[in-house]
N, C-alpha and C. Protein backbone atom coordinates (compact mmCIF):
# COMPACT_ATOMS: atom_id res chain seq x y z
N PHE A 1 137.38 98.84 144.51
CA PHE A 1 138.13 100.06 144.26
C PHE A 1 138.86 100.03 142.91
N GLY A 2 139.11 98.86 142.39
CA GLY A 2 139.87 98.77 141.17
C GLY A 2 141.37 98.72 141.42
N LEU A 3 141.78 98.87 142.66
CA LEU A 3 143.21 98.91 142.97
C LEU A 3 143.86 97.54 142.80
N ALA A 4 143.17 96.51 143.26
CA ALA A 4 143.77 95.19 143.23
C ALA A 4 143.76 94.56 141.84
N TYR A 5 142.94 95.08 140.94
CA TYR A 5 142.78 94.44 139.65
C TYR A 5 143.26 95.29 138.48
N ASN A 6 143.71 96.48 138.73
CA ASN A 6 144.21 97.35 137.69
C ASN A 6 145.73 97.16 137.57
N PRO A 7 146.22 96.60 136.46
CA PRO A 7 147.66 96.31 136.35
C PRO A 7 148.55 97.53 136.54
N ASP A 8 148.12 98.67 136.01
CA ASP A 8 148.94 99.87 136.14
C ASP A 8 149.06 100.30 137.59
N ARG A 9 147.95 100.24 138.32
CA ARG A 9 147.97 100.70 139.71
C ARG A 9 148.71 99.75 140.63
N THR A 10 148.82 98.49 140.24
CA THR A 10 149.49 97.53 141.13
C THR A 10 150.97 97.37 140.82
N LYS A 11 151.48 98.09 139.82
CA LYS A 11 152.91 97.99 139.51
C LYS A 11 153.80 98.30 140.71
N PRO A 12 153.53 99.39 141.46
CA PRO A 12 154.37 99.68 142.63
C PRO A 12 154.36 98.55 143.65
N PHE A 13 153.17 97.90 143.83
CA PHE A 13 153.06 96.82 144.79
C PHE A 13 153.92 95.64 144.35
N ARG A 14 153.85 95.32 143.05
CA ARG A 14 154.62 94.19 142.53
C ARG A 14 156.11 94.47 142.61
N ALA A 15 156.48 95.71 142.33
CA ALA A 15 157.90 96.08 142.38
C ALA A 15 158.45 95.95 143.79
N LEU A 16 157.65 96.40 144.77
CA LEU A 16 158.10 96.32 146.15
C LEU A 16 158.15 94.88 146.62
N ALA A 17 157.14 94.11 146.22
CA ALA A 17 157.05 92.74 146.70
C ALA A 17 158.16 91.86 146.14
N THR A 18 158.64 92.15 144.92
CA THR A 18 159.66 91.32 144.30
C THR A 18 161.07 91.83 144.54
N SER A 19 161.19 92.91 145.29
CA SER A 19 162.52 93.46 145.56
C SER A 19 163.33 92.47 146.37
N THR A 20 164.62 92.39 146.05
CA THR A 20 165.49 91.47 146.78
C THR A 20 165.99 92.06 148.08
N SER A 21 165.71 93.32 148.32
CA SER A 21 166.20 93.97 149.55
C SER A 21 165.15 94.95 150.06
N LEU A 22 164.08 94.41 150.64
CA LEU A 22 163.01 95.27 151.15
C LEU A 22 163.50 96.21 152.23
N SER A 23 164.51 95.78 152.98
CA SER A 23 165.00 96.61 154.08
C SER A 23 165.64 97.90 153.58
N LYS A 24 166.01 97.94 152.29
CA LYS A 24 166.64 99.13 151.73
C LYS A 24 165.65 100.09 151.10
N GLN A 25 164.38 99.69 151.01
CA GLN A 25 163.37 100.59 150.47
C GLN A 25 163.21 101.78 151.41
N SER A 26 163.22 102.98 150.85
CA SER A 26 163.11 104.17 151.69
C SER A 26 161.67 104.37 152.14
N GLU A 27 161.53 105.10 153.23
CA GLU A 27 160.19 105.44 153.73
C GLU A 27 159.43 106.27 152.69
N GLY A 28 160.12 107.18 152.04
CA GLY A 28 159.47 108.03 151.04
C GLY A 28 158.91 107.23 149.88
N THR A 29 159.65 106.21 149.42
CA THR A 29 159.17 105.36 148.33
C THR A 29 157.93 104.60 148.75
N TYR A 30 157.94 104.07 149.95
CA TYR A 30 156.80 103.31 150.47
C TYR A 30 155.57 104.20 150.57
N VAL A 31 155.75 105.41 151.09
CA VAL A 31 154.63 106.35 151.23
C VAL A 31 154.06 106.71 149.87
N THR A 32 154.93 107.06 148.93
CA THR A 32 154.48 107.52 147.61
C THR A 32 153.87 106.41 146.78
N ASP A 33 154.52 105.24 146.76
CA ASP A 33 154.11 104.17 145.85
C ASP A 33 153.05 103.24 146.42
N VAL A 34 152.85 103.25 147.72
CA VAL A 34 151.88 102.34 148.32
C VAL A 34 150.85 103.07 149.18
N VAL A 35 151.31 103.76 150.21
CA VAL A 35 150.39 104.35 151.19
C VAL A 35 149.45 105.37 150.55
N VAL A 36 149.99 106.27 149.76
CA VAL A 36 149.15 107.30 149.13
C VAL A 36 148.14 106.66 148.18
N LEU A 37 148.55 105.63 147.44
CA LEU A 37 147.62 104.93 146.55
C LEU A 37 146.46 104.31 147.32
N LEU A 38 146.75 103.75 148.48
CA LEU A 38 145.70 103.15 149.30
C LEU A 38 144.69 104.20 149.75
N LEU A 39 145.19 105.33 150.22
CA LEU A 39 144.31 106.39 150.69
C LEU A 39 143.47 106.95 149.55
N ARG A 40 144.08 107.14 148.40
CA ARG A 40 143.32 107.65 147.25
C ARG A 40 142.23 106.68 146.84
N ALA A 41 142.55 105.39 146.85
CA ALA A 41 141.56 104.38 146.49
C ALA A 41 140.38 104.40 147.45
N SER A 42 140.67 104.60 148.73
CA SER A 42 139.61 104.61 149.74
C SER A 42 138.74 105.85 149.66
N LEU A 43 139.34 106.99 149.32
CA LEU A 43 138.64 108.28 149.44
C LEU A 43 138.19 108.86 148.11
N VAL A 44 138.34 108.14 147.02
CA VAL A 44 137.97 108.67 145.71
C VAL A 44 136.44 108.80 145.59
N ASN A 45 135.99 109.87 144.95
CA ASN A 45 134.57 110.07 144.62
C ASN A 45 133.65 109.95 145.83
N LEU A 46 133.98 110.62 146.92
CA LEU A 46 133.08 110.64 148.07
C LEU A 46 131.79 111.37 147.68
N PRO A 47 130.64 110.94 148.19
CA PRO A 47 129.37 111.55 147.79
C PRO A 47 129.19 112.98 148.27
N ASN A 48 129.94 113.40 149.28
CA ASN A 48 129.78 114.76 149.81
C ASN A 48 131.03 115.62 149.62
N GLY A 49 131.75 115.38 148.53
CA GLY A 49 132.90 116.22 148.22
C GLY A 49 134.22 115.49 148.41
N TYR A 50 135.27 116.11 147.93
CA TYR A 50 136.57 115.45 147.93
C TYR A 50 137.38 115.77 149.19
N ILE A 51 138.36 114.93 149.44
CA ILE A 51 139.35 115.16 150.49
C ILE A 51 140.71 115.22 149.83
N CYS A 52 141.42 116.31 150.06
CA CYS A 52 142.75 116.50 149.46
C CYS A 52 143.81 115.80 150.31
N LEU A 53 144.70 115.08 149.66
CA LEU A 53 145.80 114.43 150.36
C LEU A 53 147.07 115.25 150.19
N SER A 54 147.60 115.72 151.29
CA SER A 54 148.85 116.50 151.27
C SER A 54 150.01 115.56 151.52
N THR A 55 150.92 115.47 150.56
CA THR A 55 152.03 114.53 150.66
C THR A 55 153.38 115.22 150.67
N ALA A 56 153.39 116.53 150.87
CA ALA A 56 154.64 117.29 150.77
C ALA A 56 155.21 117.65 152.14
N LYS A 57 154.97 116.80 153.14
CA LYS A 57 155.46 117.06 154.50
C LYS A 57 155.05 118.45 154.96
N ARG A 58 153.77 118.77 154.76
CA ARG A 58 153.21 120.05 155.18
C ARG A 58 153.05 120.05 156.70
N GLN A 59 153.37 121.18 157.34
CA GLN A 59 153.23 121.23 158.79
C GLN A 59 151.75 121.30 159.18
N SER A 60 151.42 120.63 160.25
CA SER A 60 150.06 120.65 160.77
C SER A 60 149.76 121.99 161.41
N LEU A 61 148.67 122.63 160.99
CA LEU A 61 148.28 123.92 161.57
C LEU A 61 147.89 123.76 163.03
N ALA A 62 147.26 122.63 163.35
CA ALA A 62 146.85 122.39 164.74
C ALA A 62 148.08 122.22 165.63
N SER A 63 149.06 121.46 165.15
CA SER A 63 150.29 121.27 165.92
C SER A 63 151.03 122.59 166.09
N LYS A 64 151.07 123.39 165.03
CA LYS A 64 151.74 124.69 165.10
C LYS A 64 151.07 125.59 166.13
N ALA A 65 149.73 125.60 166.14
CA ALA A 65 149.00 126.44 167.09
C ALA A 65 149.31 126.04 168.53
N ARG A 66 149.35 124.73 168.80
CA ARG A 66 149.64 124.27 170.17
C ARG A 66 151.06 124.62 170.58
N ARG A 67 152.01 124.41 169.68
CA ARG A 67 153.42 124.61 170.03
C ARG A 67 153.78 126.09 170.19
N ASN A 68 152.93 126.97 169.68
CA ASN A 68 153.22 128.40 169.78
C ASN A 68 152.43 129.10 170.88
N GLN A 69 151.68 128.32 171.65
CA GLN A 69 150.94 128.91 172.77
C GLN A 69 151.92 129.36 173.85
N GLY A 70 151.88 130.63 174.19
CA GLY A 70 152.68 131.15 175.28
C GLY A 70 154.16 131.30 175.00
N VAL A 71 154.55 131.27 173.71
CA VAL A 71 155.96 131.45 173.37
C VAL A 71 156.12 132.68 172.48
N ILE A 72 157.30 133.25 172.49
CA ILE A 72 157.56 134.45 171.69
C ILE A 72 158.07 134.07 170.30
N GLU A 73 159.05 133.18 170.26
CA GLU A 73 159.64 132.79 168.97
C GLU A 73 158.79 131.70 168.32
N GLU A 74 158.44 131.91 167.06
CA GLU A 74 157.55 130.98 166.37
C GLU A 74 158.21 129.61 166.19
N ARG A 75 157.40 128.57 166.41
CA ARG A 75 157.87 127.21 166.24
C ARG A 75 157.09 126.54 165.10
N MET A 76 157.74 125.59 164.46
CA MET A 76 157.10 124.83 163.39
C MET A 76 156.21 123.75 163.98
N GLY A 77 155.12 123.45 163.29
CA GLY A 77 154.27 122.35 163.70
C GLY A 77 154.83 121.02 163.20
N LYS A 78 154.30 119.93 163.73
CA LYS A 78 154.73 118.61 163.27
C LYS A 78 154.33 118.42 161.81
N LYS A 79 155.07 117.57 161.12
CA LYS A 79 154.82 117.34 159.70
C LYS A 79 154.52 115.86 159.46
N PRO A 80 153.25 115.48 159.45
CA PRO A 80 152.89 114.09 159.18
C PRO A 80 153.32 113.69 157.76
N ASP A 81 153.46 112.39 157.54
CA ASP A 81 153.82 111.91 156.20
C ASP A 81 152.73 112.25 155.19
N VAL A 82 151.48 112.08 155.58
CA VAL A 82 150.34 112.41 154.72
C VAL A 82 149.24 112.99 155.59
N MET A 83 148.55 114.01 155.08
CA MET A 83 147.37 114.55 155.76
C MET A 83 146.19 114.55 154.81
N GLY A 84 145.00 114.30 155.35
CA GLY A 84 143.76 114.42 154.59
C GLY A 84 143.09 115.72 154.98
N LEU A 85 142.88 116.61 154.00
CA LEU A 85 142.39 117.97 154.26
C LEU A 85 141.09 118.23 153.52
N ILE A 86 140.23 119.05 154.13
CA ILE A 86 139.08 119.60 153.43
C ILE A 86 139.08 121.11 153.65
N LYS A 87 138.47 121.83 152.71
CA LYS A 87 138.33 123.27 152.85
C LYS A 87 136.85 123.60 152.87
N GLN A 88 136.43 124.28 153.92
CA GLN A 88 135.02 124.62 154.09
C GLN A 88 134.92 126.02 154.67
N ASP A 89 134.15 126.88 154.03
CA ASP A 89 133.99 128.27 154.49
C ASP A 89 135.34 128.95 154.67
N ASP A 90 136.22 128.76 153.70
CA ASP A 90 137.56 129.37 153.71
C ASP A 90 138.43 128.92 154.88
N LYS A 91 138.06 127.81 155.49
CA LYS A 91 138.86 127.24 156.57
C LYS A 91 139.37 125.87 156.14
N ILE A 92 140.61 125.57 156.50
CA ILE A 92 141.19 124.27 156.18
C ILE A 92 141.11 123.37 157.41
N PHE A 93 140.56 122.18 157.22
CA PHE A 93 140.42 121.22 158.31
C PHE A 93 141.27 119.99 158.01
N GLU A 94 142.13 119.65 158.95
CA GLU A 94 142.95 118.44 158.85
C GLU A 94 142.17 117.32 159.54
N LEU A 95 141.71 116.35 158.75
CA LEU A 95 140.86 115.29 159.30
C LEU A 95 141.57 113.94 159.39
N ILE A 96 142.67 113.80 158.65
CA ILE A 96 143.41 112.53 158.65
C ILE A 96 144.90 112.81 158.80
N TYR A 97 145.54 112.07 159.68
CA TYR A 97 147.00 112.12 159.80
C TYR A 97 147.54 110.71 159.55
N THR A 98 148.60 110.63 158.78
CA THR A 98 149.19 109.33 158.47
C THR A 98 150.69 109.36 158.74
N GLU A 99 151.15 108.35 159.46
CA GLU A 99 152.58 108.17 159.70
C GLU A 99 152.96 106.78 159.20
N SER A 100 154.05 106.71 158.45
CA SER A 100 154.46 105.44 157.87
C SER A 100 155.93 105.17 158.14
N SER A 101 156.24 103.90 158.23
CA SER A 101 157.63 103.45 158.35
C SER A 101 158.08 102.92 157.00
N ARG A 102 159.26 102.35 156.95
CA ARG A 102 159.66 101.54 155.81
C ARG A 102 158.88 100.23 155.87
N ILE A 103 159.05 99.39 154.84
CA ILE A 103 158.40 98.08 154.86
C ILE A 103 158.93 97.26 156.03
N ILE A 104 160.19 97.42 156.33
CA ILE A 104 160.78 96.75 157.50
C ILE A 104 161.30 97.83 158.43
N CYS A 105 160.79 97.84 159.66
CA CYS A 105 161.19 98.90 160.59
C CYS A 105 161.34 98.35 162.00
N SER A 106 161.87 99.17 162.87
CA SER A 106 162.13 98.76 164.25
C SER A 106 160.91 98.99 165.13
N GLU A 107 160.90 98.33 166.28
CA GLU A 107 159.82 98.53 167.25
C GLU A 107 159.84 99.96 167.79
N THR A 108 161.02 100.54 167.90
CA THR A 108 161.12 101.92 168.39
C THR A 108 160.41 102.88 167.44
N LYS A 109 160.61 102.70 166.13
CA LYS A 109 159.95 103.53 165.13
C LYS A 109 158.43 103.38 165.23
N LYS A 110 157.96 102.15 165.40
CA LYS A 110 156.52 101.91 165.52
C LYS A 110 155.95 102.65 166.73
N ASP A 111 156.64 102.53 167.87
CA ASP A 111 156.17 103.18 169.09
C ASP A 111 156.19 104.71 168.95
N ASP A 112 157.25 105.23 168.35
CA ASP A 112 157.36 106.68 168.17
C ASP A 112 156.24 107.22 167.28
N ASP A 113 155.95 106.52 166.18
CA ASP A 113 154.88 106.95 165.27
C ASP A 113 153.52 106.86 165.94
N ASP A 114 153.34 105.84 166.78
CA ASP A 114 152.07 105.68 167.49
C ASP A 114 151.81 106.87 168.41
N VAL A 115 152.83 107.27 169.17
CA VAL A 115 152.70 108.42 170.07
C VAL A 115 152.52 109.71 169.27
N LYS A 116 153.25 109.84 168.18
CA LYS A 116 153.14 111.04 167.34
C LYS A 116 151.73 111.19 166.78
N LEU A 117 151.14 110.10 166.33
CA LEU A 117 149.78 110.14 165.80
C LEU A 117 148.78 110.56 166.88
N TRP A 118 148.93 109.99 168.07
CA TRP A 118 148.03 110.37 169.16
C TRP A 118 148.12 111.87 169.44
N ARG A 119 149.34 112.41 169.45
CA ARG A 119 149.53 113.84 169.72
C ARG A 119 148.92 114.69 168.61
N GLU A 120 149.10 114.26 167.36
CA GLU A 120 148.57 115.02 166.22
C GLU A 120 147.05 115.03 166.22
N THR A 121 146.44 113.88 166.49
CA THR A 121 144.97 113.83 166.50
C THR A 121 144.40 114.63 167.67
N LEU A 122 145.09 114.61 168.81
CA LEU A 122 144.62 115.38 169.96
C LEU A 122 144.70 116.87 169.68
N ASP A 123 145.79 117.32 169.07
CA ASP A 123 145.93 118.73 168.70
C ASP A 123 144.80 119.16 167.78
N ARG A 124 144.51 118.35 166.78
CA ARG A 124 143.48 118.72 165.80
C ARG A 124 142.09 118.72 166.43
N ALA A 125 141.80 117.76 167.30
CA ALA A 125 140.48 117.74 167.94
C ALA A 125 140.26 119.01 168.75
N SER A 126 141.29 119.47 169.45
CA SER A 126 141.18 120.71 170.23
C SER A 126 141.04 121.91 169.31
N PHE A 127 141.76 121.90 168.19
CA PHE A 127 141.73 123.00 167.24
C PHE A 127 140.34 123.14 166.62
N ILE A 128 139.74 122.02 166.23
CA ILE A 128 138.41 122.05 165.61
C ILE A 128 137.36 122.49 166.63
N SER A 129 137.51 122.05 167.87
CA SER A 129 136.54 122.42 168.90
C SER A 129 136.50 123.93 169.12
N ALA A 130 137.62 124.60 168.84
CA ALA A 130 137.67 126.05 169.00
C ALA A 130 136.93 126.77 167.87
N LEU A 131 136.75 126.09 166.73
CA LEU A 131 136.06 126.68 165.58
C LEU A 131 134.59 126.32 165.53
N CYS A 132 134.30 125.09 165.82
CA CYS A 132 132.92 124.60 165.81
C CYS A 132 132.87 123.36 166.71
N ARG A 133 131.71 122.84 166.93
CA ARG A 133 131.59 121.71 167.85
C ARG A 133 130.84 120.56 167.17
N PRO A 134 131.58 119.70 166.44
CA PRO A 134 130.93 118.52 165.85
C PRO A 134 130.33 117.64 166.93
N THR A 135 129.34 116.87 166.57
CA THR A 135 128.60 116.04 167.52
C THR A 135 129.53 115.11 168.30
N GLY A 136 129.44 115.18 169.64
CA GLY A 136 130.25 114.32 170.49
C GLY A 136 129.92 112.85 170.31
N ASN A 137 130.90 112.00 170.52
CA ASN A 137 130.77 110.55 170.39
C ASN A 137 130.51 110.09 168.96
N GLN A 138 130.56 111.01 167.98
CA GLN A 138 130.35 110.63 166.59
C GLN A 138 131.51 111.07 165.70
N PHE A 139 131.94 112.32 165.85
CA PHE A 139 133.03 112.85 165.03
C PHE A 139 134.38 112.44 165.61
N GLY A 140 135.30 112.04 164.72
CA GLY A 140 136.62 111.66 165.19
C GLY A 140 137.71 112.06 164.22
N ILE A 141 138.87 112.44 164.74
CA ILE A 141 140.05 112.70 163.93
C ILE A 141 140.74 111.36 163.69
N ILE A 142 141.09 111.09 162.44
CA ILE A 142 141.64 109.79 162.07
C ILE A 142 143.17 109.80 162.10
N GLY A 143 143.74 108.77 162.71
CA GLY A 143 145.18 108.55 162.70
C GLY A 143 145.48 107.21 162.05
N ILE A 144 146.23 107.23 160.97
CA ILE A 144 146.57 105.99 160.25
C ILE A 144 148.06 105.74 160.40
N GLN A 145 148.39 104.56 160.90
CA GLN A 145 149.79 104.18 161.03
C GLN A 145 150.07 102.98 160.14
N VAL A 146 151.07 103.11 159.29
CA VAL A 146 151.53 101.99 158.48
C VAL A 146 152.89 101.58 159.03
N ALA A 147 152.93 100.40 159.62
CA ALA A 147 154.15 99.88 160.23
C ALA A 147 154.46 98.53 159.61
N ASP A 148 155.63 98.39 159.01
CA ASP A 148 155.94 97.22 158.19
C ASP A 148 154.89 97.13 157.08
N SER A 149 154.21 96.01 156.98
CA SER A 149 153.17 95.86 155.96
C SER A 149 151.77 95.86 156.58
N VAL A 150 151.65 96.42 157.77
CA VAL A 150 150.36 96.45 158.47
C VAL A 150 149.85 97.89 158.55
N ILE A 151 148.58 98.08 158.20
CA ILE A 151 147.95 99.38 158.31
C ILE A 151 147.02 99.38 159.51
N HIS A 152 147.17 100.37 160.38
CA HIS A 152 146.37 100.50 161.60
C HIS A 152 145.48 101.73 161.47
N LEU A 153 144.19 101.56 161.73
CA LEU A 153 143.23 102.65 161.66
C LEU A 153 142.81 103.03 163.08
N ASN A 154 143.06 104.29 163.46
CA ASN A 154 142.75 104.79 164.80
C ASN A 154 141.88 106.04 164.70
N ALA A 155 141.18 106.35 165.77
CA ALA A 155 140.34 107.55 165.79
C ALA A 155 140.35 108.16 167.18
N LEU A 156 140.47 109.49 167.23
CA LEU A 156 140.35 110.22 168.49
C LEU A 156 138.99 110.90 168.50
N VAL A 157 138.17 110.53 169.46
CA VAL A 157 136.79 111.01 169.56
C VAL A 157 136.59 111.69 170.90
N LYS A 158 135.94 112.84 170.89
CA LYS A 158 135.56 113.49 172.14
C LYS A 158 134.17 113.02 172.55
N ASP A 159 134.03 112.65 173.84
CA ASP A 159 132.72 112.19 174.29
C ASP A 159 131.80 113.38 174.54
N LEU A 160 130.63 113.11 175.10
CA LEU A 160 129.61 114.15 175.25
C LEU A 160 130.01 115.26 176.22
N VAL A 161 130.99 115.00 177.08
CA VAL A 161 131.46 116.05 178.00
C VAL A 161 132.81 116.61 177.57
N GLY A 162 133.26 116.24 176.36
CA GLY A 162 134.48 116.81 175.81
C GLY A 162 135.78 116.11 176.15
N ILE A 163 135.70 114.93 176.76
CA ILE A 163 136.92 114.19 177.09
C ILE A 163 137.38 113.41 175.87
N PRO A 164 138.63 113.62 175.41
CA PRO A 164 139.12 112.91 174.22
C PRO A 164 139.47 111.46 174.53
N ARG A 165 139.08 110.57 173.64
CA ARG A 165 139.37 109.15 173.80
C ARG A 165 139.94 108.62 172.48
N TYR A 166 141.04 107.88 172.58
CA TYR A 166 141.75 107.40 171.39
C TYR A 166 141.47 105.91 171.22
N PHE A 167 140.91 105.55 170.07
CA PHE A 167 140.50 104.17 169.82
C PHE A 167 141.30 103.55 168.67
N HIS A 168 141.61 102.26 168.83
CA HIS A 168 142.11 101.48 167.70
C HIS A 168 140.89 100.86 167.03
N VAL A 169 140.63 101.24 165.80
CA VAL A 169 139.42 100.80 165.10
C VAL A 169 139.63 99.46 164.41
N ASP A 170 140.73 99.33 163.67
CA ASP A 170 140.94 98.10 162.90
C ASP A 170 142.39 98.07 162.40
N HIS A 171 142.82 96.92 161.94
CA HIS A 171 144.13 96.81 161.30
C HIS A 171 144.07 95.68 160.28
N ALA A 172 144.99 95.73 159.33
CA ALA A 172 145.02 94.69 158.29
C ALA A 172 146.39 94.66 157.64
N GLU A 173 146.72 93.50 157.11
CA GLU A 173 147.96 93.35 156.34
C GLU A 173 147.74 93.92 154.94
N ILE A 174 148.71 94.66 154.43
CA ILE A 174 148.65 95.16 153.06
C ILE A 174 149.14 94.04 152.14
N PRO A 175 148.30 93.58 151.21
CA PRO A 175 148.71 92.49 150.31
C PRO A 175 149.68 93.00 149.25
N LEU A 176 150.95 92.91 149.51
CA LEU A 176 151.97 93.46 148.62
C LEU A 176 152.31 92.56 147.44
N SER A 177 151.82 91.32 147.45
CA SER A 177 152.11 90.42 146.34
C SER A 177 150.90 89.52 146.08
N PRO A 178 150.80 88.92 144.88
CA PRO A 178 149.67 88.03 144.56
C PRO A 178 149.53 86.87 145.52
N SER A 179 150.61 86.46 146.16
CA SER A 179 150.55 85.34 147.09
C SER A 179 149.85 85.70 148.39
N ASN A 180 149.57 86.99 148.59
CA ASN A 180 148.91 87.44 149.81
C ASN A 180 147.41 87.59 149.64
N ILE A 181 146.81 86.84 148.71
CA ILE A 181 145.40 87.00 148.38
C ILE A 181 144.50 86.78 149.59
N SER A 182 144.92 85.95 150.54
CA SER A 182 144.10 85.68 151.72
C SER A 182 143.93 86.92 152.59
N ARG A 183 144.79 87.91 152.41
CA ARG A 183 144.72 89.13 153.22
C ARG A 183 143.81 90.20 152.61
N VAL A 184 143.36 89.97 151.39
CA VAL A 184 142.63 91.01 150.67
C VAL A 184 141.32 91.37 151.36
N LYS A 185 140.61 90.40 151.89
CA LYS A 185 139.30 90.66 152.49
C LYS A 185 139.40 91.66 153.64
N SER A 186 140.30 91.43 154.58
CA SER A 186 140.45 92.34 155.71
C SER A 186 141.02 93.68 155.27
N PHE A 187 141.86 93.65 154.23
CA PHE A 187 142.44 94.87 153.69
C PHE A 187 141.36 95.77 153.07
N ILE A 188 140.48 95.18 152.26
CA ILE A 188 139.37 95.93 151.66
C ILE A 188 138.43 96.45 152.75
N ARG A 189 138.23 95.64 153.79
CA ARG A 189 137.35 96.06 154.89
C ARG A 189 137.85 97.33 155.54
N ILE A 190 139.14 97.42 155.79
CA ILE A 190 139.67 98.60 156.48
C ILE A 190 139.59 99.84 155.58
N LEU A 191 139.77 99.67 154.26
CA LEU A 191 139.63 100.81 153.35
C LEU A 191 138.19 101.29 153.29
N LEU A 192 137.24 100.36 153.30
CA LEU A 192 135.82 100.74 153.31
C LEU A 192 135.44 101.40 154.63
N THR A 193 136.00 100.91 155.72
CA THR A 193 135.73 101.52 157.03
C THR A 193 136.21 102.96 157.05
N LEU A 194 137.43 103.19 156.56
CA LEU A 194 137.96 104.55 156.48
C LEU A 194 137.06 105.43 155.63
N ARG A 195 136.64 104.92 154.50
CA ARG A 195 135.77 105.68 153.59
C ARG A 195 134.47 106.09 154.29
N ASN A 196 133.83 105.13 154.94
CA ASN A 196 132.55 105.42 155.61
C ASN A 196 132.73 106.43 156.74
N ILE A 197 133.80 106.29 157.51
CA ILE A 197 134.07 107.24 158.60
C ILE A 197 134.24 108.65 158.05
N MET A 198 134.97 108.78 156.95
CA MET A 198 135.24 110.11 156.41
C MET A 198 134.00 110.74 155.79
N ILE A 199 133.11 109.95 155.23
CA ILE A 199 131.84 110.50 154.73
C ILE A 199 131.06 111.11 155.89
N VAL A 200 131.00 110.38 157.00
CA VAL A 200 130.29 110.88 158.18
C VAL A 200 131.00 112.09 158.77
N ASN A 201 132.32 112.01 158.93
CA ASN A 201 133.08 113.11 159.53
C ASN A 201 132.94 114.40 158.74
N LYS A 202 133.01 114.30 157.43
CA LYS A 202 132.90 115.49 156.59
C LYS A 202 131.51 116.12 156.75
N SER A 203 130.48 115.30 156.81
CA SER A 203 129.12 115.82 157.00
C SER A 203 128.97 116.48 158.37
N LEU A 204 129.57 115.88 159.40
CA LEU A 204 129.47 116.45 160.75
C LEU A 204 130.19 117.79 160.85
N VAL A 205 131.33 117.92 160.18
CA VAL A 205 132.05 119.21 160.18
C VAL A 205 131.22 120.28 159.50
N MET A 206 130.64 119.95 158.35
CA MET A 206 129.83 120.92 157.62
C MET A 206 128.61 121.35 158.43
N GLN A 207 127.98 120.39 159.11
CA GLN A 207 126.82 120.71 159.95
C GLN A 207 127.22 121.60 161.12
N ALA A 208 128.36 121.28 161.74
CA ALA A 208 128.82 122.07 162.89
C ALA A 208 129.18 123.49 162.48
N LEU A 209 129.80 123.65 161.32
CA LEU A 209 130.14 124.99 160.83
C LEU A 209 128.89 125.80 160.52
N GLU A 210 127.91 125.14 159.91
CA GLU A 210 126.65 125.83 159.61
C GLU A 210 125.96 126.27 160.90
N GLN A 211 125.99 125.40 161.90
CA GLN A 211 125.39 125.72 163.19
C GLN A 211 126.13 126.88 163.85
N ALA A 212 127.47 126.87 163.78
CA ALA A 212 128.26 127.94 164.40
C ALA A 212 128.02 129.28 163.71
N THR A 213 127.77 129.23 162.39
CA THR A 213 127.54 130.46 161.63
C THR A 213 126.15 131.03 161.88
N SER A 214 125.17 130.15 161.92
CA SER A 214 123.78 130.61 162.07
C SER A 214 123.41 130.89 163.52
N HIS A 215 124.15 130.28 164.47
CA HIS A 215 123.87 130.50 165.89
C HIS A 215 125.17 130.82 166.62
N PRO A 216 125.76 131.99 166.36
CA PRO A 216 127.00 132.37 167.05
C PRO A 216 126.75 132.55 168.54
N PRO A 217 127.80 132.44 169.35
CA PRO A 217 127.64 132.64 170.80
C PRO A 217 127.06 134.01 171.10
N GLU A 218 126.13 134.08 172.03
CA GLU A 218 125.51 135.35 172.39
C GLU A 218 126.51 136.24 173.12
N MET A 219 126.55 137.50 172.74
CA MET A 219 127.44 138.46 173.38
C MET A 219 126.84 138.92 174.70
N LEU A 220 127.68 139.01 175.69
CA LEU A 220 127.21 139.47 176.98
C LEU A 220 126.93 140.97 176.92
N THR A 221 125.81 141.38 177.44
CA THR A 221 125.45 142.81 177.45
C THR A 221 125.69 143.37 178.84
N GLN A 222 126.13 144.62 178.86
CA GLN A 222 126.40 145.25 180.14
C GLN A 222 125.22 146.10 180.58
């Protein structure tokens, strides 16, 4: 990726790693200077188009749709730390949700983010199913959790009968300093895994949309 060997790109990592008070690093700094860089490195120059990373605490459209079902007063959707978005046929698809803690965080924060990610991926899977039907057991909404210095890759996949299943795919330590070189192999593996999953997911969404457009549901005749 060039991330580990480019001096300019690794400045934030070195700054964080040499800080005398990691516990005081804000969540926003960690997300901006580390997490977003990792996602960009993984998703740059995809062969089937780009994925936009939203880092402005944008509300999830899928979460908003679920929370406003059956209510009169409009409610805001959840706001993940980072979302991976694509635009296809004038529709915006949220394919990646990311929740991050500080470099040092509590077990409660980890558990809360884990549950939040599961809810966000479930909302999006239901939202996409209402627009098109990507191939079951293949397409998955990605949930990425960064807790302390560990990145967790998860996926929510609907099986062939539409039952959602949430999987932990992989995890790895983020090598925040040169002394963590032994962690690089597993770290690169998880970034490549994310990249490969998103190439497939993007293709499946495009195929499902094309299928939905060319073969719309038949209207019942009276």
